[in-house]
Each structure stands twice: as structure tokens, then as C-alpha cells.
Amino acid sequence: PATAARKAHPMRVSELIDMLKDQPPDAEVELAIVAPVGDDSDEDITVDRYSVEGMLPWRDEDEEGNDEELVIWLVGGEDDDVEAFLDAIEHQDD
């Protein structure tokens, strides 16, 4: 198995591009979500894997309604869920 890159701070787009540039351009991109299996602090984890279906620039607002720093979301999940999410985001300003 390949060695995973680990970050102690939020990843920047430039860092992701640097990590991906040496990978085969036709390789599929997946998102692996790692989470504990239960509520207790045991060492059991689960990994959910999803294809990345798209990218979404996102800006949260602080408590005063000011835009926070831009973040890039890699969007993936079950097909129906991704479609519903993207539809909701698209119609958010309606």
C-alpha cells in the first residue's frame, strides 16, 4: 500500500496539486472518510470510500455575517445523496 500524506494543518489547494501531480492522470480519485466505530475510545475505526463527484468552492459566514476564508469541498457520497445536495446548493439562493 502507498504511504498516506499526513497534515497537521488545513491542506491548501497548492499542496493537493503537488501531491497529485506525480499520480497517473487517469487514476480515479476517491475520498476516504475515517471515523471511530463506536462512541467509546477504543481503537476500532471504519473507512468509508466515495468517488469524488465534483468540487464546490464554499465560504462560511461568521457570527456577524462576514464571509470567512474560502474553502474547497471535494464532493462525494452515494449518488442520490450527492445529487440531492448539489440540487439544494444550486437552489439555495432562490
N, C-alpha and C. Protein backbone atom coordinates (compact mmCIF):
# COMPACT_ATOMS: atom_id res chain seq x y z
N PRO A 1 0.82 -1.20 0.00
CA PRO A 1 0.00 0.00 0.00
C PRO A 1 0.86 1.26 0.00
N ALA A 2 0.34 2.29 -0.58
CA ALA A 2 1.05 3.57 -0.65
C ALA A 2 1.06 4.23 0.73
N THR A 3 2.03 5.07 0.94
CA THR A 3 2.11 5.83 2.18
C THR A 3 1.20 7.04 2.09
N ALA A 4 0.38 7.24 3.11
CA ALA A 4 -0.55 8.38 3.12
C ALA A 4 0.19 9.63 3.56
N ALA A 5 -0.17 10.74 2.94
CA ALA A 5 0.38 12.03 3.36
C ALA A 5 -0.45 12.52 4.54
N ARG A 6 0.23 13.00 5.58
CA ARG A 6 -0.47 13.45 6.78
C ARG A 6 -0.19 14.93 7.00
N LYS A 7 -1.24 15.66 7.34
CA LYS A 7 -1.14 17.10 7.54
C LYS A 7 -1.55 17.43 8.98
N ALA A 8 -0.87 18.41 9.58
CA ALA A 8 -1.25 18.88 10.90
C ALA A 8 -2.06 20.17 10.82
N HIS A 9 -2.20 20.71 9.61
CA HIS A 9 -2.94 21.95 9.41
C HIS A 9 -3.82 21.77 8.18
N PRO A 10 -4.78 22.67 7.96
CA PRO A 10 -5.64 22.52 6.78
C PRO A 10 -4.82 22.49 5.49
N MET A 11 -5.18 21.60 4.61
CA MET A 11 -4.48 21.48 3.33
C MET A 11 -4.89 22.62 2.40
N ARG A 12 -3.95 23.13 1.67
CA ARG A 12 -4.19 24.16 0.67
C ARG A 12 -4.27 23.52 -0.71
N VAL A 13 -4.97 24.16 -1.62
CA VAL A 13 -5.12 23.65 -2.99
C VAL A 13 -3.76 23.37 -3.60
N SER A 14 -2.81 24.26 -3.42
CA SER A 14 -1.47 24.07 -4.00
C SER A 14 -0.81 22.81 -3.46
N GLU A 15 -1.03 22.48 -2.19
CA GLU A 15 -0.46 21.27 -1.61
C GLU A 15 -1.11 20.02 -2.20
N LEU A 16 -2.42 20.07 -2.40
CA LEU A 16 -3.11 18.93 -3.01
C LEU A 16 -2.63 18.72 -4.44
N ILE A 17 -2.49 19.79 -5.18
CA ILE A 17 -1.99 19.69 -6.56
C ILE A 17 -0.60 19.09 -6.57
N ASP A 18 0.27 19.53 -5.66
CA ASP A 18 1.63 18.98 -5.58
C ASP A 18 1.61 17.48 -5.29
N MET A 19 0.71 17.04 -4.41
CA MET A 19 0.65 15.62 -4.06
C MET A 19 0.09 14.80 -5.21
N LEU A 20 -0.80 15.37 -5.99
CA LEU A 20 -1.44 14.63 -7.08
C LEU A 20 -0.63 14.63 -8.38
N LYS A 21 0.28 15.57 -8.55
CA LYS A 21 0.95 15.73 -9.84
C LYS A 21 1.77 14.52 -10.26
N ASP A 22 2.24 13.72 -9.31
CA ASP A 22 3.04 12.54 -9.65
C ASP A 22 2.19 11.28 -9.81
N GLN A 23 0.88 11.41 -9.68
CA GLN A 23 -0.01 10.26 -9.81
C GLN A 23 -0.44 10.11 -11.26
N PRO A 24 -0.81 8.90 -11.66
CA PRO A 24 -1.27 8.70 -13.04
C PRO A 24 -2.50 9.57 -13.32
N PRO A 25 -2.50 10.31 -14.42
CA PRO A 25 -3.61 11.23 -14.69
C PRO A 25 -4.95 10.54 -14.92
N ASP A 26 -4.95 9.25 -15.23
CA ASP A 26 -6.20 8.55 -15.46
C ASP A 26 -6.65 7.75 -14.23
N ALA A 27 -5.96 7.92 -13.09
CA ALA A 27 -6.36 7.23 -11.86
C ALA A 27 -7.62 7.87 -11.29
N GLU A 28 -8.51 7.03 -10.78
CA GLU A 28 -9.73 7.54 -10.15
C GLU A 28 -9.39 8.20 -8.82
N VAL A 29 -10.12 9.25 -8.47
CA VAL A 29 -9.93 9.94 -7.20
C VAL A 29 -11.08 9.54 -6.27
N GLU A 30 -10.71 9.08 -5.08
CA GLU A 30 -11.70 8.73 -4.07
C GLU A 30 -11.44 9.54 -2.81
N LEU A 31 -12.49 9.70 -2.03
CA LEU A 31 -12.40 10.35 -0.74
C LEU A 31 -12.58 9.26 0.31
N ALA A 32 -11.63 9.12 1.24
CA ALA A 32 -11.72 8.12 2.31
C ALA A 32 -12.02 8.86 3.61
N ILE A 33 -13.17 8.54 4.20
CA ILE A 33 -13.57 9.15 5.47
C ILE A 33 -13.28 8.14 6.57
N VAL A 34 -12.40 8.50 7.49
CA VAL A 34 -12.01 7.62 8.59
C VAL A 34 -12.72 8.08 9.85
N ALA A 35 -13.39 7.15 10.54
CA ALA A 35 -14.14 7.51 11.74
C ALA A 35 -14.09 6.36 12.74
N PRO A 36 -14.25 6.68 14.02
CA PRO A 36 -14.30 5.60 15.02
C PRO A 36 -15.57 4.77 14.82
N VAL A 37 -15.49 3.50 15.17
CA VAL A 37 -16.64 2.61 15.02
C VAL A 37 -17.71 2.91 16.07
N GLY A 38 -17.29 3.15 17.28
CA GLY A 38 -18.25 3.40 18.36
C GLY A 38 -17.96 4.68 19.09
N ASP A 39 -18.77 4.95 20.13
CA ASP A 39 -18.61 6.17 20.92
C ASP A 39 -17.45 6.07 21.90
N ASP A 40 -17.11 4.85 22.33
CA ASP A 40 -16.02 4.73 23.28
C ASP A 40 -14.68 4.94 22.60
N SER A 41 -13.65 5.08 23.36
CA SER A 41 -12.35 5.47 22.81
C SER A 41 -11.51 4.26 22.40
N ASP A 42 -12.15 3.18 21.97
CA ASP A 42 -11.34 2.05 21.52
C ASP A 42 -10.67 2.39 20.19
N GLU A 43 -9.82 1.52 19.73
CA GLU A 43 -9.03 1.82 18.54
C GLU A 43 -9.69 1.35 17.25
N ASP A 44 -10.91 0.82 17.31
CA ASP A 44 -11.59 0.36 16.09
C ASP A 44 -12.03 1.55 15.25
N ILE A 45 -11.73 1.48 13.96
CA ILE A 45 -12.13 2.53 13.04
C ILE A 45 -12.82 1.91 11.84
N THR A 46 -13.52 2.73 11.12
CA THR A 46 -14.12 2.33 9.87
C THR A 46 -13.69 3.33 8.80
N VAL A 47 -13.64 2.86 7.56
CA VAL A 47 -13.27 3.72 6.45
C VAL A 47 -14.37 3.63 5.40
N ASP A 48 -14.99 4.76 5.09
CA ASP A 48 -15.97 4.84 4.01
C ASP A 48 -15.29 5.47 2.82
N ARG A 49 -15.43 4.83 1.66
CA ARG A 49 -14.79 5.32 0.43
C ARG A 49 -15.86 5.79 -0.54
N TYR A 50 -15.62 6.98 -1.12
CA TYR A 50 -16.54 7.54 -2.09
C TYR A 50 -15.75 8.12 -3.25
N SER A 51 -16.29 7.97 -4.45
CA SER A 51 -15.70 8.66 -5.60
C SER A 51 -15.95 10.15 -5.45
N VAL A 52 -14.98 10.95 -5.85
CA VAL A 52 -15.17 12.40 -5.84
C VAL A 52 -15.96 12.76 -7.09
N GLU A 53 -17.15 13.31 -6.88
CA GLU A 53 -18.06 13.63 -7.97
C GLU A 53 -17.91 15.07 -8.47
N GLY A 54 -17.31 15.90 -7.63
CA GLY A 54 -17.17 17.28 -8.03
C GLY A 54 -16.44 18.09 -6.98
N MET A 55 -16.40 19.38 -7.21
CA MET A 55 -15.71 20.32 -6.34
C MET A 55 -16.63 21.52 -6.16
N LEU A 56 -16.63 22.06 -4.95
CA LEU A 56 -17.50 23.18 -4.64
C LEU A 56 -16.75 24.21 -3.81
N PRO A 57 -16.55 25.41 -4.36
CA PRO A 57 -15.98 26.48 -3.53
C PRO A 57 -17.02 26.87 -2.46
N TRP A 58 -16.59 27.07 -1.23
CA TRP A 58 -17.53 27.36 -0.15
C TRP A 58 -16.96 28.41 0.79
N ARG A 59 -17.83 29.29 1.24
CA ARG A 59 -17.46 30.31 2.22
C ARG A 59 -18.51 30.31 3.32
N ASP A 60 -18.09 30.05 4.54
CA ASP A 60 -18.99 30.18 5.68
C ASP A 60 -19.07 31.64 6.07
N GLU A 61 -20.06 31.96 6.89
CA GLU A 61 -20.17 33.32 7.44
C GLU A 61 -19.91 33.24 8.94
N ASP A 62 -19.23 34.27 9.46
CA ASP A 62 -19.04 34.33 10.90
C ASP A 62 -20.31 34.83 11.57
N GLU A 63 -20.26 35.02 12.87
CA GLU A 63 -21.45 35.42 13.63
C GLU A 63 -22.00 36.78 13.21
N GLU A 64 -21.13 37.65 12.65
CA GLU A 64 -21.57 38.97 12.21
C GLU A 64 -22.02 38.97 10.75
N GLY A 65 -22.01 37.82 10.10
CA GLY A 65 -22.43 37.74 8.71
C GLY A 65 -21.34 38.03 7.71
N ASN A 66 -20.09 38.13 8.16
CA ASN A 66 -18.96 38.36 7.26
C ASN A 66 -18.46 37.05 6.68
N ASP A 67 -18.06 37.08 5.41
CA ASP A 67 -17.52 35.88 4.78
C ASP A 67 -16.20 35.49 5.42
N GLU A 68 -16.07 34.19 5.67
CA GLU A 68 -14.81 33.65 6.17
C GLU A 68 -13.96 33.21 4.99
N GLU A 69 -12.81 32.64 5.28
CA GLU A 69 -11.87 32.21 4.25
C GLU A 69 -12.51 31.17 3.32
N LEU A 70 -12.21 31.28 2.03
CA LEU A 70 -12.69 30.34 1.04
C LEU A 70 -12.10 28.96 1.30
N VAL A 71 -12.95 27.94 1.25
CA VAL A 71 -12.51 26.55 1.33
C VAL A 71 -13.04 25.82 0.10
N ILE A 72 -12.37 24.77 -0.29
CA ILE A 72 -12.79 23.96 -1.43
C ILE A 72 -13.28 22.62 -0.90
N TRP A 73 -14.51 22.29 -1.22
CA TRP A 73 -15.07 21.00 -0.84
C TRP A 73 -14.92 20.04 -2.00
N LEU A 74 -14.35 18.87 -1.73
CA LEU A 74 -14.40 17.76 -2.67
C LEU A 74 -15.68 17.02 -2.33
N VAL A 75 -16.58 16.91 -3.27
CA VAL A 75 -17.92 16.39 -3.01
C VAL A 75 -18.01 14.95 -3.50
N GLY A 76 -18.45 14.08 -2.62
CA GLY A 76 -18.64 12.67 -2.98
C GLY A 76 -19.61 12.04 -2.00
N GLY A 77 -20.11 10.89 -2.34
CA GLY A 77 -21.06 10.17 -1.49
C GLY A 77 -21.90 9.26 -2.35
N GLU A 78 -22.97 8.79 -1.78
CA GLU A 78 -23.92 7.98 -2.54
C GLU A 78 -24.52 8.86 -3.63
N ASP A 79 -24.71 8.30 -4.83
CA ASP A 79 -25.16 9.10 -5.97
C ASP A 79 -26.40 9.93 -5.68
N ASP A 80 -27.43 9.33 -5.08
CA ASP A 80 -28.67 10.06 -4.79
C ASP A 80 -28.43 11.20 -3.80
N ASP A 81 -27.57 10.95 -2.81
CA ASP A 81 -27.26 11.98 -1.81
C ASP A 81 -26.51 13.14 -2.43
N VAL A 82 -25.53 12.84 -3.29
CA VAL A 82 -24.76 13.89 -3.94
C VAL A 82 -25.68 14.73 -4.81
N GLU A 83 -26.55 14.08 -5.56
CA GLU A 83 -27.48 14.81 -6.44
C GLU A 83 -28.40 15.72 -5.62
N ALA A 84 -28.93 15.20 -4.51
CA ALA A 84 -29.81 16.00 -3.66
C ALA A 84 -29.05 17.18 -3.05
N PHE A 85 -27.82 16.94 -2.63
CA PHE A 85 -27.00 18.01 -2.06
C PHE A 85 -26.74 19.11 -3.08
N LEU A 86 -26.29 18.71 -4.26
CA LEU A 86 -25.98 19.70 -5.30
C LEU A 86 -27.23 20.46 -5.73
N ASP A 87 -28.38 19.77 -5.81
CA ASP A 87 -29.65 20.46 -6.11
C ASP A 87 -29.98 21.49 -5.03
N ALA A 88 -29.78 21.13 -3.78
CA ALA A 88 -30.09 22.03 -2.68
C ALA A 88 -29.17 23.25 -2.70
N ILE A 89 -27.90 23.03 -2.96
CA ILE A 89 -26.94 24.14 -3.03
C ILE A 89 -27.29 25.06 -4.21
N GLU A 90 -27.65 24.46 -5.35
CA GLU A 90 -27.97 25.24 -6.54
C GLU A 90 -29.18 26.13 -6.30
N HIS A 91 -30.16 25.64 -5.52
CA HIS A 91 -31.39 26.40 -5.28
C HIS A 91 -31.36 27.16 -3.97
N GLN A 92 -30.20 27.23 -3.32
CA GLN A 92 -30.07 27.89 -2.04
C GLN A 92 -30.41 29.37 -2.12
N ASP A 93 -30.06 30.02 -3.21
CA ASP A 93 -30.30 31.46 -3.34
C ASP A 93 -31.66 31.81 -3.91
N ASP A 94 -32.48 30.79 -4.26
CA ASP A 94 -33.82 31.04 -4.82
C ASP A 94 -34.78 31.60 -3.79
